[in-house]
Amino acid sequence: MESEKKNYEISFLLKEENDVEAVLKHLSQIGAEILNEGKISEIKLAYPIKKLNLAYFGWVHFAALPGEVLKLNSALRLEGKVVR
């Protein structure tokens, strides 16, 4: 496993604006260093996702070990607050 952190960007859709805390919690659990965070904004979806027409879009630049990013992906897929 590589021991050097690499830079990544994750963008996401949330059910509620405050749900960004769930994403940040998962990032902290894998030991990610947050480099930059975008402002969360409400958007109208082009088509319903999980029966939602509106969602909150956000993004985060972070540095993490490559092996840990796979764990983050799995954890966020199971997180109920994250739409996509």
PDB file of N, CA and C in Angstrom:
ATOM      1  N   MET A   1       0.846  -1.183   0.000  1.00  0.00           N
ATOM      2  CA  MET A   1       0.000   0.000   0.000  1.00  0.00           C
ATOM      3  C   MET A   1       0.886   1.238   0.000  1.00  0.00           C
ATOM      4  N   GLU A   2       0.448   2.248  -0.760  1.00  0.00           N
ATOM      5  CA  GLU A   2       1.223   3.480  -0.839  1.00  0.00           C
ATOM      6  C   GLU A   2       1.116   4.249   0.473  1.00  0.00           C
ATOM      7  N   SER A   3       2.202   4.927   0.827  1.00  0.00           N
ATOM      8  CA  SER A   3       2.198   5.654   2.093  1.00  0.00           C
ATOM      9  C   SER A   3       2.153   7.168   1.882  1.00  0.00           C
ATOM     10  N   GLU A   4       2.033   7.607   0.638  1.00  0.00           N
ATOM     11  CA  GLU A   4       1.999   9.036   0.344  1.00  0.00           C
ATOM     12  C   GLU A   4       0.570   9.455  -0.015  1.00  0.00           C
ATOM     13  N   LYS A   5       0.105  10.548   0.592  1.00  0.00           N
ATOM     14  CA  LYS A   5      -1.243  11.043   0.317  1.00  0.00           C
ATOM     15  C   LYS A   5      -1.294  11.664  -1.075  1.00  0.00           C
ATOM     16  N   LYS A   6      -2.433  11.484  -1.729  1.00  0.00           N
ATOM     17  CA  LYS A   6      -2.680  12.081  -3.039  1.00  0.00           C
ATOM     18  C   LYS A   6      -3.891  12.996  -2.928  1.00  0.00           C
ATOM     19  N   ASN A   7      -3.983  13.958  -3.846  1.00  0.00           N
ATOM     20  CA  ASN A   7      -5.101  14.897  -3.846  1.00  0.00           C
ATOM     21  C   ASN A   7      -6.283  14.330  -4.620  1.00  0.00           C
ATOM     22  N   TYR A   8      -7.478  14.541  -4.068  1.00  0.00           N
ATOM     23  CA  TYR A   8      -8.712  14.072  -4.672  1.00  0.00           C
ATOM     24  C   TYR A   8      -9.765  15.166  -4.576  1.00  0.00           C
ATOM     25  N   GLU A   9     -10.799  15.026  -5.402  1.00  0.00           N
ATOM     26  CA  GLU A   9     -11.965  15.895  -5.312  1.00  0.00           C
ATOM     27  C   GLU A   9     -13.195  15.004  -5.292  1.00  0.00           C
ATOM     28  N   ILE A  10     -14.127  15.323  -4.422  1.00  0.00           N
ATOM     29  CA  ILE A  10     -15.388  14.597  -4.379  1.00  0.00           C
ATOM     30  C   ILE A  10     -16.506  15.626  -4.502  1.00  0.00           C
ATOM     31  N   SER A  11     -17.460  15.340  -5.355  1.00  0.00           N
ATOM     32  CA  SER A  11     -18.665  16.161  -5.440  1.00  0.00           C
ATOM     33  C   SER A  11     -19.838  15.257  -5.076  1.00  0.00           C
ATOM     34  N   PHE A  12     -20.868  15.853  -4.508  1.00  0.00           N
ATOM     35  CA  PHE A  12     -21.955  15.049  -3.959  1.00  0.00           C
ATOM     36  C   PHE A  12     -23.265  15.809  -3.987  1.00  0.00           C
ATOM     37  N   LEU A  13     -24.354  15.052  -3.929  1.00  0.00           N
ATOM     38  CA  LEU A  13     -25.697  15.585  -3.780  1.00  0.00           C
ATOM     39  C   LEU A  13     -26.237  15.107  -2.437  1.00  0.00           C
ATOM     40  N   LEU A  14     -26.801  16.025  -1.688  1.00  0.00           N
ATOM     41  CA  LEU A  14     -27.315  15.721  -0.348  1.00  0.00           C
ATOM     42  C   LEU A  14     -28.812  15.988  -0.262  1.00  0.00           C
ATOM     43  N   LYS A  15     -29.466  15.316   0.684  1.00  0.00           N
ATOM     44  CA  LYS A  15     -30.891  15.556   0.908  1.00  0.00           C
ATOM     45  C   LYS A  15     -31.123  16.910   1.569  1.00  0.00           C
ATOM     46  N   GLU A  16     -30.299  17.260   2.536  1.00  0.00           N
ATOM     47  CA  GLU A  16     -30.430  18.514   3.288  1.00  0.00           C
ATOM     48  C   GLU A  16     -29.091  19.242   3.307  1.00  0.00           C
ATOM     49  N   GLU A  17     -29.119  20.537   3.457  1.00  0.00           N
ATOM     50  CA  GLU A  17     -27.894  21.349   3.464  1.00  0.00           C
ATOM     51  C   GLU A  17     -26.961  20.958   4.606  1.00  0.00           C
ATOM     52  N   ASN A  18     -27.519  20.640   5.770  1.00  0.00           N
ATOM     53  CA  ASN A  18     -26.711  20.292   6.942  1.00  0.00           C
ATOM     54  C   ASN A  18     -26.071  18.912   6.843  1.00  0.00           C
ATOM     55  N   ASP A  19     -26.466  18.106   5.875  1.00  0.00           N
ATOM     56  CA  ASP A  19     -25.950  16.750   5.740  1.00  0.00           C
ATOM     57  C   ASP A  19     -24.486  16.714   5.306  1.00  0.00           C
ATOM     58  N   VAL A  20     -23.911  17.867   4.984  1.00  0.00           N
ATOM     59  CA  VAL A  20     -22.484  17.918   4.621  1.00  0.00           C
ATOM     60  C   VAL A  20     -21.629  17.420   5.783  1.00  0.00           C
ATOM     61  N   GLU A  21     -22.129  17.540   6.993  1.00  0.00           N
ATOM     62  CA  GLU A  21     -21.397  17.050   8.170  1.00  0.00           C
ATOM     63  C   GLU A  21     -21.157  15.546   8.081  1.00  0.00           C
ATOM     64  N   ALA A  22     -22.085  14.811   7.487  1.00  0.00           N
ATOM     65  CA  ALA A  22     -21.913  13.361   7.335  1.00  0.00           C
ATOM     66  C   ALA A  22     -20.748  13.062   6.395  1.00  0.00           C
ATOM     67  N   VAL A  23     -20.637  13.826   5.319  1.00  0.00           N
ATOM     68  CA  VAL A  23     -19.532  13.635   4.371  1.00  0.00           C
ATOM     69  C   VAL A  23     -18.207  13.964   5.052  1.00  0.00           C
ATOM     70  N   LEU A  24     -18.168  15.083   5.772  1.00  0.00           N
ATOM     71  CA  LEU A  24     -16.941  15.494   6.461  1.00  0.00           C
ATOM     72  C   LEU A  24     -16.545  14.482   7.537  1.00  0.00           C
ATOM     73  N   LYS A  25     -17.535  13.880   8.185  1.00  0.00           N
ATOM     74  CA  LYS A  25     -17.263  12.857   9.200  1.00  0.00           C
ATOM     75  C   LYS A  25     -16.566  11.655   8.568  1.00  0.00           C
ATOM     76  N   HIS A  26     -17.064  11.226   7.426  1.00  0.00           N
ATOM     77  CA  HIS A  26     -16.451  10.080   6.739  1.00  0.00           C
ATOM     78  C   HIS A  26     -15.040  10.417   6.259  1.00  0.00           C
ATOM     79  N   LEU A  27     -14.839  11.645   5.806  1.00  0.00           N
ATOM     80  CA  LEU A  27     -13.495  12.068   5.393  1.00  0.00           C
ATOM     81  C   LEU A  27     -12.534  12.032   6.576  1.00  0.00           C
ATOM     82  N   SER A  28     -12.996  12.491   7.721  1.00  0.00           N
ATOM     83  CA  SER A  28     -12.128  12.506   8.902  1.00  0.00           C
ATOM     84  C   SER A  28     -11.832  11.081   9.380  1.00  0.00           C
ATOM     85  N   GLN A  29     -12.777  10.166   9.210  1.00  0.00           N
ATOM     86  CA  GLN A  29     -12.570   8.774   9.633  1.00  0.00           C
ATOM     87  C   GLN A  29     -11.478   8.086   8.824  1.00  0.00           C
ATOM     88  N   ILE A  30     -11.271   8.500   7.576  1.00  0.00           N
ATOM     89  CA  ILE A  30     -10.211   7.877   6.773  1.00  0.00           C
ATOM     90  C   ILE A  30      -8.897   8.653   6.885  1.00  0.00           C
ATOM     91  N   GLY A  31      -8.886   9.706   7.710  1.00  0.00           N
ATOM     92  CA  GLY A  31      -7.668  10.480   7.917  1.00  0.00           C
ATOM     93  C   GLY A  31      -7.374  11.459   6.798  1.00  0.00           C
ATOM     94  N   ALA A  32      -8.416  11.885   6.086  1.00  0.00           N
ATOM     95  CA  ALA A  32      -8.233  12.824   4.975  1.00  0.00           C
ATOM     96  C   ALA A  32      -7.957  14.229   5.501  1.00  0.00           C
ATOM     97  N   GLU A  33      -7.119  14.943   4.772  1.00  0.00           N
ATOM     98  CA  GLU A  33      -6.816  16.338   5.070  1.00  0.00           C
ATOM     99  C   GLU A  33      -7.609  17.191   4.082  1.00  0.00           C
ATOM    100  N   ILE A  34      -8.547  17.993   4.583  1.00  0.00           N
ATOM    101  CA  ILE A  34      -9.394  18.808   3.715  1.00  0.00           C
ATOM    102  C   ILE A  34      -8.594  20.023   3.249  1.00  0.00           C
ATOM    103  N   LEU A  35      -8.520  20.182   1.919  1.00  0.00           N
ATOM    104  CA  LEU A  35      -7.756  21.271   1.321  1.00  0.00           C
ATOM    105  C   LEU A  35      -8.632  22.460   0.966  1.00  0.00           C
ATOM    106  N   ASN A  36      -9.850  22.179   0.496  1.00  0.00           N
ATOM    107  CA  ASN A  36     -10.756  23.243   0.078  1.00  0.00           C
ATOM    108  C   ASN A  36     -12.174  22.682   0.070  1.00  0.00           C
ATOM    109  N   GLU A  37     -13.142  23.560   0.365  1.00  0.00           N
ATOM    110  CA  GLU A  37     -14.535  23.149   0.427  1.00  0.00           C
ATOM    111  C   GLU A  37     -15.381  24.137  -0.358  1.00  0.00           C
ATOM    112  N   GLY A  38     -16.273  23.636  -1.193  1.00  0.00           N
ATOM    113  CA  GLY A  38     -17.174  24.516  -1.941  1.00  0.00           C
ATOM    114  C   GLY A  38     -18.412  24.819  -1.132  1.00  0.00           C
ATOM    115  N   LYS A  39     -19.042  25.916  -1.485  1.00  0.00           N
ATOM    116  CA  LYS A  39     -20.279  26.314  -0.822  1.00  0.00           C
ATOM    117  C   LYS A  39     -21.399  25.362  -1.240  1.00  0.00           C
ATOM    118  N   ILE A  40     -22.216  24.946  -0.294  1.00  0.00           N
ATOM    119  CA  ILE A  40     -23.340  24.059  -0.569  1.00  0.00           C
ATOM    120  C   ILE A  40     -24.458  24.898  -1.182  1.00  0.00           C
ATOM    121  N   SER A  41     -24.988  24.440  -2.319  1.00  0.00           N
ATOM    122  CA  SER A  41     -26.053  25.191  -2.968  1.00  0.00           C
ATOM    123  C   SER A  41     -27.184  24.259  -3.386  1.00  0.00           C
ATOM    124  N   GLU A  42     -28.400  24.774  -3.280  1.00  0.00           N
ATOM    125  CA  GLU A  42     -29.579  24.001  -3.665  1.00  0.00           C
ATOM    126  C   GLU A  42     -29.698  24.009  -5.185  1.00  0.00           C
ATOM    127  N   ILE A  43     -29.954  22.840  -5.762  1.00  0.00           N
ATOM    128  CA  ILE A  43     -30.126  22.761  -7.215  1.00  0.00           C
ATOM    129  C   ILE A  43     -31.385  21.967  -7.534  1.00  0.00           C
ATOM    130  N   LYS A  44     -31.961  22.276  -8.682  1.00  0.00           N
ATOM    131  CA  LYS A  44     -33.099  21.512  -9.196  1.00  0.00           C
ATOM    132  C   LYS A  44     -32.515  20.408 -10.059  1.00  0.00           C
ATOM    133  N   LEU A  45     -32.892  19.182  -9.785  1.00  0.00           N
ATOM    134  CA  LEU A  45     -32.367  18.043 -10.526  1.00  0.00           C
ATOM    135  C   LEU A  45     -33.052  17.933 -11.886  1.00  0.00           C
ATOM    136  N   ALA A  46     -32.309  17.541 -12.906  1.00  0.00           N
ATOM    137  CA  ALA A  46     -32.850  17.387 -14.252  1.00  0.00           C
ATOM    138  C   ALA A  46     -33.875  16.245 -14.296  1.00  0.00           C
ATOM    139  N   TYR A  47     -33.698  15.275 -13.434  1.00  0.00           N
ATOM    140  CA  TYR A  47     -34.629  14.159 -13.326  1.00  0.00           C
ATOM    141  C   TYR A  47     -34.612  13.703 -11.870  1.00  0.00           C
ATOM    142  N   PRO A  48     -35.710  13.109 -11.393  1.00  0.00           N
ATOM    143  CA  PRO A  48     -35.756  12.677  -9.988  1.00  0.00           C
ATOM    144  C   PRO A  48     -34.705  11.613  -9.678  1.00  0.00           C
ATOM    145  N   ILE A  49     -34.065  11.770  -8.543  1.00  0.00           N
ATOM    146  CA  ILE A  49     -33.128  10.778  -8.025  1.00  0.00           C
ATOM    147  C   ILE A  49     -33.642  10.403  -6.640  1.00  0.00           C
ATOM    148  N   LYS A  50     -33.912   9.131  -6.460  1.00  0.00           N
ATOM    149  CA  LYS A  50     -34.482   8.639  -5.199  1.00  0.00           C
ATOM    150  C   LYS A  50     -35.722   9.441  -4.810  1.00  0.00           C
ATOM    151  N   LYS A  51     -36.548   9.744  -5.810  1.00  0.00           N
ATOM    152  CA  LYS A  51     -37.819  10.473  -5.668  1.00  0.00           C
ATOM    153  C   LYS A  51     -37.640  11.926  -5.229  1.00  0.00           C
ATOM    154  N   LEU A  52     -36.455  12.487  -5.392  1.00  0.00           N
ATOM    155  CA  LEU A  52     -36.198  13.889  -5.044  1.00  0.00           C
ATOM    156  C   LEU A  52     -36.055  14.722  -6.317  1.00  0.00           C
ATOM    157  N   ASN A  53     -36.637  15.918  -6.306  1.00  0.00           N
ATOM    158  CA  ASN A  53     -36.490  16.845  -7.428  1.00  0.00           C
ATOM    159  C   ASN A  53     -35.486  17.945  -7.118  1.00  0.00           C
ATOM    160  N   LEU A  54     -35.221  18.165  -5.838  1.00  0.00           N
ATOM    161  CA  LEU A  54     -34.241  19.151  -5.384  1.00  0.00           C
ATOM    162  C   LEU A  54     -33.195  18.447  -4.539  1.00  0.00           C
ATOM    163  N   ALA A  55     -31.963  18.945  -4.605  1.00  0.00           N
ATOM    164  CA  ALA A  55     -30.892  18.399  -3.774  1.00  0.00           C
ATOM    165  C   ALA A  55     -29.903  19.520  -3.489  1.00  0.00           C
ATOM    166  N   TYR A  56     -28.968  19.249  -2.612  1.00  0.00           N
ATOM    167  CA  TYR A  56     -27.923  20.213  -2.263  1.00  0.00           C
ATOM    168  C   TYR A  56     -26.604  19.697  -2.808  1.00  0.00           C
ATOM    169  N   PHE A  57     -25.970  20.509  -3.650  1.00  0.00           N
ATOM    170  CA  PHE A  57     -24.728  20.130  -4.305  1.00  0.00           C
ATOM    171  C   PHE A  57     -23.554  20.730  -3.549  1.00  0.00           C
ATOM    172  N   GLY A  58     -22.502  19.945  -3.390  1.00  0.00           N
ATOM    173  CA  GLY A  58     -21.279  20.433  -2.757  1.00  0.00           C
ATOM    174  C   GLY A  58     -20.074  19.673  -3.262  1.00  0.00           C
ATOM    175  N   TRP A  59     -18.900  20.181  -2.959  1.00  0.00           N
ATOM    176  CA  TRP A  59     -17.659  19.503  -3.331  1.00  0.00           C
ATOM    177  C   TRP A  59     -16.589  19.781  -2.286  1.00  0.00           C
ATOM    178  N   VAL A  60     -15.625  18.872  -2.232  1.00  0.00           N
ATOM    179  CA  VAL A  60     -14.512  18.986  -1.293  1.00  0.00           C
ATOM    180  C   VAL A  60     -13.245  18.498  -1.987  1.00  0.00           C
ATOM    181  N   HIS A  61     -12.164  19.284  -1.890  1.00  0.00           N
ATOM    182  CA  HIS A  61     -10.826  18.824  -2.290  1.00  0.00           C
ATOM    183  C   HIS A  61     -10.161  18.309  -1.025  1.00  0.00           C
ATOM    184  N   PHE A  62      -9.529  17.141  -1.117  1.00  0.00           N
ATOM    185  CA  PHE A  62      -8.886  16.578   0.066  1.00  0.00           C
ATOM    186  C   PHE A  62      -7.673  15.745  -0.333  1.00  0.00           C
ATOM    187  N   ALA A  63      -6.813  15.491   0.629  1.00  0.00           N
ATOM    188  CA  ALA A  63      -5.649  14.628   0.437  1.00  0.00           C
ATOM    189  C   ALA A  63      -5.838  13.403   1.323  1.00  0.00           C
ATOM    190  N   ALA A  64      -5.605  12.228   0.728  1.00  0.00           N
ATOM    191  CA  ALA A  64      -5.770  10.987   1.483  1.00  0.00           C
ATOM    192  C   ALA A  64      -4.922   9.896   0.838  1.00  0.00           C
ATOM    193  N   LEU A  65      -4.733   8.828   1.593  1.00  0.00           N
ATOM    194  CA  LEU A  65      -4.037   7.659   1.065  1.00  0.00           C
ATOM    195  C   LEU A  65      -4.944   6.958   0.051  1.00  0.00           C
ATOM    196  N   PRO A  66      -4.389   6.500  -1.078  1.00  0.00           N
ATOM    197  CA  PRO A  66      -5.207   5.866  -2.113  1.00  0.00           C
ATOM    198  C   PRO A  66      -6.066   4.693  -1.618  1.00  0.00           C
ATOM    199  N   GLY A  67      -5.561   3.881  -0.739  1.00  0.00           N
ATOM    200  CA  GLY A  67      -6.331   2.754  -0.218  1.00  0.00           C
ATOM    201  C   GLY A  67      -7.531   3.175   0.609  1.00  0.00           C
ATOM    202  N   GLU A  68      -7.426   4.316   1.253  1.00  0.00           N
ATOM    203  CA  GLU A  68      -8.508   4.811   2.098  1.00  0.00           C
ATOM    204  C   GLU A  68      -9.671   5.362   1.279  1.00  0.00           C
ATOM    205  N   VAL A  69      -9.395   5.793   0.060  1.00  0.00           N
ATOM    206  CA  VAL A  69     -10.440   6.367  -0.784  1.00  0.00           C
ATOM    207  C   VAL A  69     -11.480   5.306  -1.141  1.00  0.00           C
ATOM    208  N   LEU A  70     -11.054   4.078  -1.313  1.00  0.00           N
ATOM    209  CA  LEU A  70     -12.005   2.992  -1.584  1.00  0.00           C
ATOM    210  C   LEU A  70     -12.955   2.795  -0.409  1.00  0.00           C
ATOM    211  N   LYS A  71     -12.425   2.910   0.804  1.00  0.00           N
ATOM    212  CA  LYS A  71     -13.263   2.795   2.005  1.00  0.00           C
ATOM    213  C   LYS A  71     -14.275   3.944   2.053  1.00  0.00           C
ATOM    214  N   LEU A  72     -13.821   5.148   1.674  1.00  0.00           N
ATOM    215  CA  LEU A  72     -14.706   6.314   1.661  1.00  0.00           C
ATOM    216  C   LEU A  72     -15.846   6.092   0.672  1.00  0.00           C
ATOM    217  N   ASN A  73     -15.533   5.594  -0.501  1.00  0.00           N
ATOM    218  CA  ASN A  73     -16.542   5.341  -1.525  1.00  0.00           C
ATOM    219  C   ASN A  73     -17.618   4.385  -0.997  1.00  0.00           C
ATOM    220  N   SER A  74     -17.195   3.318  -0.374  1.00  0.00           N
ATOM    221  CA  SER A  74     -18.146   2.344   0.175  1.00  0.00           C
ATOM    222  C   SER A  74     -19.004   2.954   1.277  1.00  0.00           C
ATOM    223  N   ALA A  75     -18.384   3.713   2.150  1.00  0.00           N
ATOM    224  CA  ALA A  75     -19.106   4.315   3.278  1.00  0.00           C
ATOM    225  C   ALA A  75     -20.146   5.332   2.798  1.00  0.00           C
ATOM    226  N   LEU A  76     -19.791   6.131   1.791  1.00  0.00           N
ATOM    227  CA  LEU A  76     -20.720   7.155   1.307  1.00  0.00           C
ATOM    228  C   LEU A  76     -21.890   6.533   0.544  1.00  0.00           C
ATOM    229  N   ARG A  77     -21.663   5.404  -0.098  1.00  0.00           N
ATOM    230  CA  ARG A  77     -22.767   4.722  -0.795  1.00  0.00           C
ATOM    231  C   ARG A  77     -23.820   4.225   0.204  1.00  0.00           C
ATOM    232  N   LEU A  78     -23.381   3.894   1.406  1.00  0.00           N
ATOM    233  CA  LEU A  78     -24.306   3.408   2.434  1.00  0.00           C
ATOM    234  C   LEU A  78     -24.918   4.536   3.268  1.00  0.00           C
ATOM    235  N   GLU A  79     -24.362   5.735   3.167  1.00  0.00           N
ATOM    236  CA  GLU A  79     -24.850   6.886   3.949  1.00  0.00           C
ATOM    237  C   GLU A  79     -26.202   7.349   3.393  1.00  0.00           C
ATOM    238  N   GLY A  80     -27.229   7.317   4.227  1.00  0.00           N
ATOM    239  CA  GLY A  80     -28.576   7.689   3.805  1.00  0.00           C
ATOM    240  C   GLY A  80     -28.757   9.155   3.463  1.00  0.00           C
ATOM    241  N   LYS A  81     -27.913  10.012   3.980  1.00  0.00           N
ATOM    242  CA  LYS A  81     -28.038  11.455   3.737  1.00  0.00           C
ATOM    243  C   LYS A  81     -27.478  11.878   2.389  1.00  0.00           C
ATOM    244  N   VAL A  82     -26.653  11.022   1.790  1.00  0.00           N
ATOM    245  CA  VAL A  82     -26.044  11.321   0.493  1.00  0.00           C
ATOM    246  C   VAL A  82     -26.921  10.728  -0.603  1.00  0.00           C
ATOM    247  N   VAL A  83     -27.390  11.598  -1.506  1.00  0.00           N
ATOM    248  CA  VAL A  83     -28.234  11.153  -2.603  1.00  0.00           C
ATOM    249  C   VAL A  83     -27.391  10.488  -3.679  1.00  0.00           C
ATOM    250  N   ARG A  84     -26.281  11.127  -4.034  1.00  0.00           N
ATOM    251  CA  ARG A  84     -25.370  10.568  -5.043  1.00  0.00           C
ATOM    252  C   ARG A  84     -23.993  11.186  -4.870  1.00  0.00           C
TER     253      ARG A  84
END
